[in-house]
Amino acid sequence: MSNPYRKDFPLLNQKQREKPLIYLDNAATTQKPEAVIKAVEDYYSEYNANPYRGLYDISEKATKEYEEARKVTAEFINAEEPAEIIFTRNATESLNLIAYSFGRSILKEGDEILIPISEHHSNLLPWQLLAKEKKAVLNYLYLDDNGHIKEDEIEAKITKNTRIVALAYVSNVLGTIYPVKKIIKKAHSVGAFTVLDCAQSIPHFPLDVSELDTDFAVFSGHKMLGPMGIGVLYGKRQLLEEMPPFLTGGEMIDFVSEQDATFAPLPQKFEAGTPNVGGAIGLMAAINYIKDVGYDKIQKAEEELSVYALDKLRELPYVTIYGEKSYSESRSGVISFNVSDVHPHDVSSLLDADGVCIRAGHHCAQPLMRYMQAAATCRISFYFYNTKEDVNAFIESLKKVRRWLGLGD
């Protein structure tokens, strides 16, 4: 199965231990196309300078490109204006900023924060710590056997006491696509605010923050073909205006006296210090690459791969699949599974001997692991540059695992 995009990704054309590299850990980070690598290289080799601060050509170009990246990002998610886009290091920093700047400002004793049991620690720990500090209550939406949040759970858990609802659009463990529009609407009906973690969704299907009407949304560049170390926080202007700064220092101020300071307007108020200009420019290149490919092609490729892989895995009697066992519209290209009598770390190590890269562990979702009664799982995750040949290589290697350990077929 030829894939016209693979040639754009240098790492995918490498070999590991004299075997083709099979990369199936895209939920952790995606590979980077030449267009992204070149955009970052061009910045560092042609106009590496601090934005805003220099009245010379390369600094002015750095400023122009950095702000163009903000504009492109705003248009990509249909934000009302570029000032609603705050550049951070990653989705984790974005979530911490929201929790400590916004959450700390509005929460009072007895208020409730609601998150799904499946949340990544990045969208759990900030709320857990804040709940303890503010004597608020951290509640959970629980899942059914297929990894879904049922409507009666949403209706029962989002109440007049709920102040913040924070959730991932897509589970990084189960691949479940949650009914976020319904949850956001319900949250707003009781006066709660919403925080949407889109790190696992935006690489794969469109995000329209205006249509969803979410108060905040976050994502990371490295999961959508961009560089590591660049993330995005979207927030409605009114909320961002009311929030105090998260970090203080250079560039986020308007005026400083010995005893006082006034802060710069949005978005600079939340971007203290020298920004990751190269990261933002790389993110812009990644967004443009995704737009060139098109979400329709991305979704079609991932659906075909997911259907094929799930069918192959169900044929193996010693494999347990978590979440939905078959592909559906509410499932993405993330598949967690276990092999009977074999620890996930051993599965991953043995597959690595064949050049097959998968993830094994708790996936930064330990409460979900305990809820599923699994200490850890194996995980494969697809992107549009993967092929059925990748799936075949993975399956053939997986079939060897129990034999290698003397457990039979």
Protein backbone atom coordinates (compact mmCIF):
# COMPACT_ATOMS: atom_id res chain seq x y z
CA MET A 1 0.00 0.00 0.00
CA SER A 2 1.79 3.10 -1.21
CA ASN A 3 1.45 6.26 0.82
CA PRO A 4 2.26 9.53 -0.97
CA TYR A 5 3.07 11.35 2.26
CA ARG A 6 5.76 9.07 3.69
CA LYS A 7 8.46 10.60 1.51
CA ASP A 8 7.92 13.90 3.38
CA PHE A 9 8.95 12.38 6.72
CA PRO A 10 12.70 11.67 7.02
CA LEU A 11 12.47 9.52 10.14
CA LEU A 12 9.95 7.13 8.59
CA ASN A 13 12.50 6.21 5.94
CA GLN A 14 15.07 5.05 8.48
CA LYS A 15 15.79 1.48 9.53
CA GLN A 16 16.08 0.09 13.03
CA ARG A 17 18.28 -2.95 13.58
CA GLU A 18 18.42 -3.40 9.80
CA LYS A 19 14.62 -3.55 9.65
CA PRO A 20 12.12 -0.95 8.42
CA LEU A 21 11.05 1.38 11.23
CA ILE A 22 7.37 0.86 12.09
CA TYR A 23 6.23 3.88 14.11
CA LEU A 24 2.91 3.36 15.90
CA ASP A 25 3.21 5.79 18.81
CA ASN A 26 1.60 8.85 17.25
CA ALA A 27 -0.56 9.61 20.29
CA ALA A 28 2.69 10.37 22.13
CA THR A 29 4.25 12.45 19.35
CA THR A 30 3.99 12.59 15.60
CA GLN A 31 6.87 12.64 13.16
CA LYS A 32 7.81 15.88 11.44
CA PRO A 33 7.64 16.56 7.70
CA GLU A 34 10.46 18.30 5.87
CA ALA A 35 8.32 21.44 5.58
CA VAL A 36 8.26 21.81 9.38
CA ILE A 37 11.93 20.97 9.82
CA LYS A 38 12.89 23.50 7.15
CA ALA A 39 10.69 26.24 8.62
CA VAL A 40 12.41 25.88 12.00
CA GLU A 41 15.85 25.63 10.37
CA ASP A 42 15.18 28.79 8.31
CA TYR A 43 14.31 30.74 11.44
CA TYR A 44 17.47 29.74 13.27
CA SER A 45 19.73 30.17 10.26
CA GLU A 46 18.23 33.30 8.66
CA TYR A 47 16.45 35.53 11.20
CA ASN A 48 17.13 34.24 14.72
CA ALA A 49 16.37 37.25 16.94
CA ASN A 50 14.05 38.18 19.77
CA PRO A 51 10.66 39.40 18.59
CA TYR A 52 9.29 42.80 19.70
CA ARG A 53 12.60 43.99 21.18
CA GLY A 54 14.82 44.91 18.24
CA LEU A 55 14.48 47.79 15.80
CA TYR A 56 16.45 45.95 13.13
CA ASP A 57 15.44 43.82 10.19
CA ILE A 58 15.82 40.27 11.50
CA SER A 59 14.07 41.11 14.79
CA GLU A 60 11.22 42.71 12.89
CA LYS A 61 10.96 39.62 10.67
CA ALA A 62 10.94 37.37 13.76
CA THR A 63 8.11 39.49 15.19
CA LYS A 64 6.17 39.37 11.93
CA GLU A 65 6.47 35.57 11.57
CA TYR A 66 5.68 34.93 15.24
CA GLU A 67 2.50 36.98 15.01
CA GLU A 68 1.64 35.38 11.67
CA ALA A 69 1.83 32.00 13.44
CA ARG A 70 -0.67 33.28 15.99
CA LYS A 71 -3.00 34.49 13.22
CA VAL A 72 -2.77 31.17 11.34
CA THR A 73 -3.48 29.25 14.56
CA ALA A 74 -6.50 31.42 15.38
CA GLU A 75 -7.96 30.89 11.90
CA PHE A 76 -7.25 27.15 12.11
CA ILE A 77 -9.48 26.70 15.17
CA ASN A 78 -11.91 29.51 14.24
CA ALA A 79 -11.11 31.75 17.20
CA GLU A 80 -12.63 35.19 16.95
CA GLU A 81 -9.25 36.96 16.97
CA PRO A 82 -5.51 36.19 17.23
CA ALA A 83 -5.34 37.79 20.70
CA GLU A 84 -7.28 34.78 22.02
CA ILE A 85 -4.29 32.54 21.18
CA ILE A 86 -1.63 32.25 23.90
CA PHE A 87 1.55 30.38 23.01
CA THR A 88 2.82 28.08 25.79
CA ARG A 89 5.27 25.16 25.98
CA ASN A 90 2.60 22.47 25.58
CA ALA A 91 -0.95 21.48 26.50
CA THR A 92 0.22 20.68 30.04
CA GLU A 93 1.43 24.23 30.64
CA SER A 94 -1.77 25.58 29.09
CA LEU A 95 -3.90 23.53 31.50
CA ASN A 96 -1.83 24.64 34.47
CA LEU A 97 -2.19 28.26 33.39
CA ILE A 98 -5.97 27.91 33.23
CA ALA A 99 -6.17 26.13 36.58
CA TYR A 100 -3.94 28.52 38.49
CA SER A 101 -4.91 31.81 36.87
CA PHE A 102 -8.58 31.29 36.05
CA GLY A 103 -9.54 28.46 38.41
CA ARG A 104 -7.89 30.03 41.43
CA SER A 105 -9.72 33.30 40.70
CA ILE A 106 -13.24 31.86 40.54
CA LEU A 107 -13.32 28.80 42.81
CA LYS A 108 -14.58 28.96 46.35
CA GLU A 109 -15.07 26.38 49.08
CA GLY A 110 -17.63 23.74 48.16
CA ASP A 111 -17.52 24.40 44.40
CA GLU A 112 -17.24 21.34 42.20
CA ILE A 113 -14.76 20.56 39.43
CA LEU A 114 -15.79 17.75 37.09
CA ILE A 115 -13.49 15.64 34.88
CA PRO A 116 -13.76 12.17 33.29
CA ILE A 117 -11.98 9.29 35.05
CA SER A 118 -10.02 8.82 31.81
CA GLU A 119 -8.18 12.14 31.94
CA HIS A 120 -4.46 12.42 31.31
CA HIS A 121 -2.60 13.52 34.44
CA SER A 122 -2.04 16.89 32.76
CA ASN A 123 -5.76 17.57 33.06
CA LEU A 124 -6.11 15.93 36.46
CA LEU A 125 -3.27 17.03 38.73
CA PRO A 126 -3.77 20.81 38.34
CA TRP A 127 -7.44 20.43 39.34
CA GLN A 128 -6.64 17.98 42.12
CA LEU A 129 -4.16 20.39 43.70
CA LEU A 130 -6.44 23.38 43.18
CA ALA A 131 -9.39 21.56 44.75
CA LYS A 132 -7.31 20.87 47.84
CA GLU A 133 -6.14 24.48 48.03
CA LYS A 134 -9.63 25.96 47.60
CA LYS A 135 -11.47 23.23 49.54
CA ALA A 136 -13.43 22.51 46.41
CA VAL A 137 -14.70 19.07 45.35
CA LEU A 138 -13.18 17.11 42.47
CA ASN A 139 -15.80 14.82 40.91
CA TYR A 140 -15.50 12.30 38.09
CA LEU A 141 -17.54 11.22 35.09
CA TYR A 142 -17.29 7.42 34.90
CA LEU A 143 -17.30 5.29 31.75
CA ASP A 144 -19.27 2.29 30.58
CA ASP A 145 -17.61 -0.94 29.42
CA ASN A 146 -17.03 0.52 25.95
CA GLY A 147 -15.31 3.61 27.29
CA HIS A 148 -18.21 6.01 26.74
CA ILE A 149 -19.70 8.66 29.04
CA LYS A 150 -23.42 7.97 29.12
CA GLU A 151 -25.98 10.78 28.97
CA ASP A 152 -27.42 9.98 32.40
CA GLU A 153 -23.92 10.34 33.88
CA ILE A 154 -23.62 13.79 32.32
CA GLU A 155 -27.05 14.82 33.56
CA ALA A 156 -26.42 13.55 37.08
CA LYS A 157 -22.91 14.95 37.56
CA ILE A 158 -23.21 18.46 36.05
CA THR A 159 -25.24 20.35 38.66
CA LYS A 160 -25.71 23.86 40.02
CA ASN A 161 -22.65 23.24 42.20
CA THR A 162 -20.42 22.53 39.20
CA ARG A 163 -18.06 25.42 38.50
CA ILE A 164 -15.57 23.93 36.03
CA VAL A 165 -15.87 20.99 33.60
CA ALA A 166 -12.52 19.96 32.09
CA LEU A 167 -12.12 17.07 29.68
CA ALA A 168 -10.21 15.68 26.73
CA TYR A 169 -11.99 15.67 23.39
CA VAL A 170 -10.43 12.22 22.75
CA SER A 171 -9.11 9.75 25.34
CA ASN A 172 -5.38 9.15 24.93
CA VAL A 173 -5.85 5.56 26.21
CA LEU A 174 -9.15 4.35 24.77
CA GLY A 175 -9.39 6.53 21.68
CA THR A 176 -12.98 7.39 22.63
CA ILE A 177 -14.33 10.61 21.15
CA TYR A 178 -16.44 12.18 23.86
CA PRO A 179 -19.70 14.13 23.25
CA VAL A 180 -18.05 17.44 24.09
CA LYS A 181 -20.66 19.69 22.50
CA LYS A 182 -23.37 18.13 24.65
CA ILE A 183 -21.20 18.40 27.76
CA ILE A 184 -20.28 22.03 27.05
CA LYS A 185 -23.94 22.97 26.52
CA LYS A 186 -24.97 21.26 29.74
CA ALA A 187 -22.14 22.91 31.68
CA HIS A 188 -23.08 26.36 30.43
CA SER A 189 -26.72 25.74 31.34
CA VAL A 190 -25.73 25.58 35.02
CA GLY A 191 -23.24 28.45 34.80
CA ALA A 192 -20.09 26.29 34.70
CA PHE A 193 -17.01 27.00 32.60
CA THR A 194 -15.46 24.49 30.21
CA VAL A 195 -11.87 23.50 29.47
CA LEU A 196 -11.27 21.27 26.44
CA ASP A 197 -8.02 19.31 26.01
CA CYS A 198 -7.65 18.88 22.25
CA ALA A 199 -4.14 17.39 22.19
CA GLN A 200 -5.48 14.03 20.89
CA SER A 201 -8.17 15.45 18.62
CA ILE A 202 -6.77 18.34 16.62
CA PRO A 203 -4.22 16.20 14.70
CA HIS A 204 -7.08 14.08 13.40
CA PHE A 205 -10.23 16.18 12.93
CA PRO A 206 -11.18 19.87 12.92
CA LEU A 207 -11.55 22.02 16.02
CA ASP A 208 -14.02 24.91 15.86
CA VAL A 209 -13.93 26.67 19.22
CA SER A 210 -16.65 29.14 18.22
CA GLU A 211 -19.08 26.44 17.13
CA LEU A 212 -18.40 24.36 20.26
CA ASP A 213 -18.59 27.51 22.42
CA THR A 214 -15.96 26.19 24.82
CA ASP A 215 -14.46 28.73 27.21
CA PHE A 216 -10.94 27.34 26.87
CA ALA A 217 -9.15 24.85 24.62
CA VAL A 218 -5.56 23.60 24.64
CA PHE A 219 -3.29 21.52 22.43
CA SER A 220 0.38 20.72 21.76
CA GLY A 221 2.31 21.25 18.54
CA HIS A 222 4.31 18.03 18.71
CA LYS A 223 1.23 15.80 18.42
CA MET A 224 0.20 17.51 15.17
CA LEU A 225 3.46 17.40 13.16
CA GLY A 226 4.92 20.47 14.88
CA PRO A 227 8.01 20.88 17.06
CA MET A 228 8.21 19.95 20.71
CA GLY A 229 8.07 22.78 23.21
CA ILE A 230 5.23 24.76 21.63
CA GLY A 231 1.64 24.63 22.83
CA VAL A 232 -1.53 26.65 22.47
CA LEU A 233 -4.07 28.00 24.91
CA TYR A 234 -7.27 29.39 23.44
CA GLY A 235 -9.52 31.39 25.71
CA LYS A 236 -12.47 33.69 25.23
CA ARG A 237 -11.20 37.27 25.32
CA GLN A 238 -13.43 38.36 28.21
CA LEU A 239 -12.12 35.56 30.42
CA LEU A 240 -8.50 36.12 29.47
CA GLU A 241 -8.86 39.83 30.19
CA GLU A 242 -10.13 39.11 33.69
CA MET A 243 -7.43 36.54 34.53
CA PRO A 244 -4.25 37.56 36.36
CA PRO A 245 -0.90 36.66 34.74
CA PHE A 246 0.46 33.18 35.34
CA LEU A 247 4.15 34.00 34.85
CA THR A 248 5.74 37.40 35.26
CA GLY A 249 8.89 39.00 33.90
CA GLY A 250 9.97 40.45 30.60
CA GLU A 251 7.67 41.22 27.69
CA MET A 252 4.41 40.71 29.60
CA ILE A 253 4.50 44.16 31.18
CA ASP A 254 3.47 47.62 30.04
CA PHE A 255 5.13 49.69 32.78
CA VAL A 256 7.11 48.81 35.92
CA SER A 257 7.86 51.11 38.85
CA GLU A 258 9.68 50.29 42.08
CA GLN A 259 6.48 49.20 43.80
CA ASP A 260 3.98 48.45 41.06
CA ALA A 261 3.46 47.29 37.49
CA THR A 262 0.85 47.34 34.77
CA PHE A 263 0.59 44.38 32.43
CA ALA A 264 0.67 44.28 28.66
CA PRO A 265 -2.55 43.64 26.75
CA LEU A 266 -3.49 40.23 25.38
CA PRO A 267 -1.85 38.00 24.35
CA GLN A 268 1.50 39.27 25.70
CA LYS A 269 0.13 39.34 29.25
CA PHE A 270 0.52 35.55 29.37
CA GLU A 271 3.78 35.20 27.41
CA ALA A 272 6.54 36.16 29.83
CA GLY A 273 10.15 36.05 28.70
CA THR A 274 11.67 35.12 25.37
CA PRO A 275 9.10 33.08 23.45
CA ASN A 276 9.69 29.92 21.44
CA VAL A 277 9.68 31.69 18.09
CA GLY A 278 11.07 28.70 16.20
CA GLY A 279 8.41 26.49 17.76
CA ALA A 280 5.59 28.83 16.75
CA ILE A 281 6.93 29.07 13.20
CA GLY A 282 7.21 25.28 13.08
CA LEU A 283 3.64 24.98 14.35
CA MET A 284 2.47 27.32 11.59
CA ALA A 285 4.21 25.11 9.02
CA ALA A 286 2.56 22.03 10.56
CA ILE A 287 -0.89 23.64 10.38
CA ASN A 288 -0.33 24.53 6.74
CA TYR A 289 0.80 20.95 6.01
CA ILE A 290 -2.32 19.51 7.67
CA LYS A 291 -4.49 21.91 5.67
CA ASP A 292 -2.76 20.85 2.46
CA VAL A 293 -3.38 17.17 3.20
CA GLY A 294 -6.94 17.84 4.39
CA TYR A 295 -8.77 16.43 7.38
CA ASP A 296 -11.00 14.38 5.09
CA LYS A 297 -8.00 12.40 3.83
CA ILE A 298 -6.52 12.15 7.31
CA GLN A 299 -9.74 10.73 8.75
CA LYS A 300 -10.26 8.32 5.86
CA ALA A 301 -6.72 6.92 6.17
CA GLU A 302 -6.97 6.50 9.94
CA GLU A 303 -10.40 4.86 9.74
CA GLU A 304 -9.13 2.28 7.25
CA LEU A 305 -6.09 1.53 9.42
CA SER A 306 -8.14 1.31 12.63
CA VAL A 307 -10.72 -1.05 11.11
CA TYR A 308 -7.94 -3.23 9.72
CA ALA A 309 -5.94 -3.32 12.96
CA LEU A 310 -8.94 -4.00 15.20
CA ASP A 311 -10.04 -6.85 12.91
CA LYS A 312 -6.54 -8.37 13.09
CA LEU A 313 -6.29 -7.98 16.88
CA ARG A 314 -9.69 -9.59 17.48
CA GLU A 315 -8.42 -12.69 15.67
CA LEU A 316 -5.81 -13.24 18.40
CA PRO A 317 -7.45 -15.09 21.31
CA TYR A 318 -4.83 -13.94 23.82
CA VAL A 319 -5.35 -10.21 23.14
CA THR A 320 -7.71 -8.06 25.22
CA ILE A 321 -8.82 -4.77 23.63
CA TYR A 322 -9.91 -1.92 25.90
CA GLY A 323 -12.77 0.38 24.95
CA GLU A 324 -14.76 -0.32 21.81
CA LYS A 325 -13.68 -3.56 20.16
CA SER A 326 -14.71 -2.40 16.67
CA TYR A 327 -14.29 0.90 14.88
CA SER A 328 -17.12 3.44 15.09
CA GLU A 329 -17.69 7.17 14.66
CA SER A 330 -16.98 7.64 18.35
CA ARG A 331 -13.57 5.95 18.16
CA SER A 332 -10.27 7.38 16.95
CA GLY A 333 -7.06 5.68 15.82
CA VAL A 334 -5.84 4.89 19.35
CA ILE A 335 -6.03 1.23 20.43
CA SER A 336 -5.07 -0.05 23.88
CA PHE A 337 -4.69 -3.77 24.44
CA ASN A 338 -2.93 -6.41 26.52
CA VAL A 339 -1.45 -9.82 25.77
CA SER A 340 -2.37 -12.59 28.21
CA ASP A 341 0.36 -13.43 30.74
CA VAL A 342 2.80 -10.86 29.28
CA HIS A 343 3.56 -7.50 30.87
CA PRO A 344 3.05 -4.58 28.46
CA HIS A 345 6.66 -3.47 28.92
CA ASP A 346 7.84 -6.89 27.74
CA VAL A 347 5.52 -6.71 24.73
CA SER A 348 6.93 -3.32 23.79
CA SER A 349 10.54 -4.42 24.22
CA LEU A 350 10.07 -7.56 22.14
CA LEU A 351 8.32 -5.65 19.35
CA ASP A 352 11.15 -3.14 19.38
CA ALA A 353 13.50 -5.97 18.37
CA ASP A 354 11.53 -6.09 15.11
CA GLY A 355 11.68 -2.31 14.66
CA VAL A 356 8.07 -1.85 15.80
CA CYS A 357 7.54 1.17 18.06
CA ILE A 358 4.51 1.04 20.37
CA ARG A 359 3.77 2.55 23.78
CA ALA A 360 3.41 0.55 27.00
CA GLY A 361 2.57 1.73 30.50
CA HIS A 362 -0.15 3.64 32.30
CA HIS A 363 -0.14 6.43 29.68
CA CYS A 364 -0.32 9.13 32.36
CA ALA A 365 -3.82 7.94 33.24
CA GLN A 366 -3.44 5.89 36.42
CA PRO A 367 -6.98 6.45 37.75
CA LEU A 368 -8.34 5.07 34.47
CA MET A 369 -6.02 2.06 34.72
CA ARG A 370 -7.34 1.26 38.18
CA TYR A 371 -10.91 1.78 36.97
CA MET A 372 -10.27 -0.74 34.16
CA GLN A 373 -8.44 -3.06 36.61
CA ALA A 374 -5.29 -2.96 34.51
CA ALA A 375 -1.90 -1.94 35.85
CA ALA A 376 -0.79 -0.93 32.35
CA THR A 377 -1.64 -1.50 28.70
CA CYS A 378 0.03 -1.61 25.32
CA ARG A 379 -1.05 1.12 22.91
CA ILE A 380 -0.81 1.64 19.18
CA SER A 381 -1.88 4.89 17.56
CA PHE A 382 -2.06 5.83 13.90
CA TYR A 383 -1.53 8.85 11.74
CA PHE A 384 -2.22 9.32 8.05
CA TYR A 385 1.34 8.40 7.06
CA ASN A 386 0.95 4.88 8.46
CA THR A 387 0.08 1.97 6.16
CA LYS A 388 -1.50 -1.47 6.28
CA GLU A 389 2.03 -2.83 5.87
CA ASP A 390 2.83 -1.17 9.20
CA VAL A 391 -0.15 -2.97 10.76
CA ASN A 392 0.90 -6.29 9.22
CA ALA A 393 4.45 -5.93 10.57
CA PHE A 394 3.06 -5.11 14.01
CA ILE A 395 0.68 -8.09 14.01
CA GLU A 396 3.34 -10.54 12.83
CA SER A 397 5.71 -9.34 15.54
CA LEU A 398 2.95 -9.50 18.15
CA LYS A 399 2.27 -13.13 17.23
CA LYS A 400 5.86 -13.99 18.20
CA VAL A 401 5.70 -12.46 21.69
CA ARG A 402 4.20 -15.39 23.59
CA ARG A 403 6.38 -17.87 21.70
CA TRP A 404 9.52 -15.91 22.58
CA LEU A 405 8.52 -16.19 26.25
CA GLY A 406 7.71 -19.89 26.03
CA LEU A 407 3.94 -19.39 26.40
CA GLY A 408 2.91 -20.97 23.10
CA ASP A 409 0.57 -19.46 20.50
